[in-house]
Protein backbone atom coordinates (compact mmCIF):
# COMPACT_ATOMS: atom_id res chain seq x y z
CA MET A 1 -26.60 -59.34 -152.53
CA GLU A 2 -23.05 -58.90 -153.92
CA LYS A 3 -22.81 -56.98 -157.14
CA ILE A 4 -21.91 -58.53 -160.35
CA SER A 5 -18.73 -57.00 -161.84
CA VAL A 6 -18.48 -56.45 -165.65
CA LYS A 7 -15.04 -55.23 -166.91
CA VAL A 8 -14.72 -54.26 -170.53
CA CYS A 9 -11.14 -54.35 -171.89
CA LEU A 10 -10.39 -51.11 -173.69
CA GLY A 11 -6.74 -52.15 -174.54
CA THR A 12 -5.56 -51.50 -178.09
CA THR A 13 -6.25 -54.99 -179.54
CA CYS A 14 -9.60 -55.31 -177.87
CA PHE A 15 -10.58 -51.68 -178.88
CA VAL A 16 -9.65 -52.33 -182.47
CA MET A 17 -11.46 -55.67 -182.46
CA GLY A 18 -14.62 -54.36 -181.29
CA SER A 19 -14.69 -53.27 -177.62
CA ALA A 20 -15.50 -49.75 -178.72
CA ASN A 21 -19.01 -51.10 -179.49
CA LEU A 22 -19.20 -52.62 -175.97
CA GLN A 23 -19.02 -49.20 -174.44
CA GLU A 24 -22.84 -49.03 -174.84
CA LEU A 25 -22.97 -51.51 -171.94
CA ILE A 26 -22.27 -48.56 -169.75
CA LYS A 27 -25.75 -47.22 -170.70
CA ILE A 28 -27.63 -50.53 -171.06
CA ILE A 29 -26.53 -52.26 -167.80
CA PRO A 30 -27.66 -49.66 -165.30
CA LYS A 31 -31.05 -49.34 -167.05
CA LYS A 32 -31.65 -53.13 -167.21
CA TYR A 33 -30.14 -54.27 -163.88
CA GLY A 34 -30.07 -51.20 -161.66
CA ASP A 35 -27.42 -51.32 -158.87
CA ARG A 36 -27.13 -55.13 -159.12
CA VAL A 37 -24.44 -54.92 -161.70
CA GLU A 38 -21.34 -52.63 -161.84
CA VAL A 39 -19.80 -52.08 -165.32
CA SER A 40 -16.45 -50.40 -166.08
CA GLY A 41 -13.95 -49.97 -168.85
CA VAL A 42 -10.44 -51.11 -167.85
CA PRO A 43 -7.25 -50.07 -169.67
CA CYS A 44 -6.26 -53.79 -170.31
CA LEU A 45 -7.10 -57.10 -168.90
CA GLY A 46 -3.79 -58.56 -170.02
CA LEU A 47 -5.51 -61.49 -171.76
CA CYS A 48 -3.84 -61.02 -175.19
CA SER A 49 -0.50 -61.86 -173.58
CA THR A 50 -1.83 -65.22 -172.42
CA ASP A 51 -4.06 -65.96 -175.33
CA TRP A 52 -2.22 -64.41 -178.29
CA GLU A 53 -5.00 -65.10 -180.93
CA PHE A 54 -6.34 -61.71 -181.93
CA SER A 55 -9.38 -63.48 -183.24
CA LYS A 56 -10.46 -63.97 -179.61
CA ALA A 57 -10.61 -60.26 -178.80
CA PRO A 58 -12.50 -58.29 -177.52
CA TYR A 59 -12.46 -59.66 -173.97
CA VAL A 60 -14.95 -58.94 -171.11
CA LYS A 61 -14.72 -60.30 -167.56
CA VAL A 62 -18.06 -60.96 -165.77
CA ASN A 63 -16.97 -61.63 -162.18
CA ASN A 64 -14.21 -64.13 -162.81
CA ASP A 65 -15.50 -65.51 -166.09
CA ILE A 66 -13.78 -64.41 -169.38
CA ILE A 67 -15.91 -63.81 -172.43
CA LYS A 68 -13.95 -64.15 -175.57
CA GLU A 69 -15.10 -62.40 -178.88
CA ALA A 70 -17.49 -60.46 -176.58
CA THR A 71 -20.61 -58.85 -177.92
CA VAL A 72 -23.23 -56.94 -176.10
CA GLU A 73 -25.50 -60.01 -176.31
CA LYS A 74 -23.01 -62.36 -174.93
CA VAL A 75 -22.21 -60.08 -171.94
CA LEU A 76 -25.93 -59.53 -171.18
CA SER A 77 -26.52 -63.30 -171.36
CA ALA A 78 -23.60 -63.92 -168.98
CA VAL A 79 -25.07 -61.35 -166.55
CA ASP A 80 -28.49 -62.85 -166.76
CA SER A 81 -27.08 -66.32 -165.98
CA LYS A 82 -25.12 -64.95 -162.98
CA LEU A 83 -28.22 -63.23 -161.69
CA ALA A 84 -30.30 -66.37 -162.10
CA ALA A 85 -27.74 -68.40 -160.18
CA LYS A 86 -27.98 -65.99 -157.26
CA LYS A 87 -31.69 -66.55 -156.83
């Protein structure tokens, strides 16, 4: 089974708007999903330049899906959906 990729934007805007809180995903995801999901922080996803509404940050990319105004709960829900679709 192909791993699900979770990329947390740690660019300045996203960091200020809450991605610092999303770093706990680095601890939660391996415990909850084992090696089925790979999580990483990335310097910038470049989404602010295409969607210049700061109110939409922070951004997280789950495979190719963009989560705007990301929270831990939204990200985990997206991962759960992806895993359910692979069954």
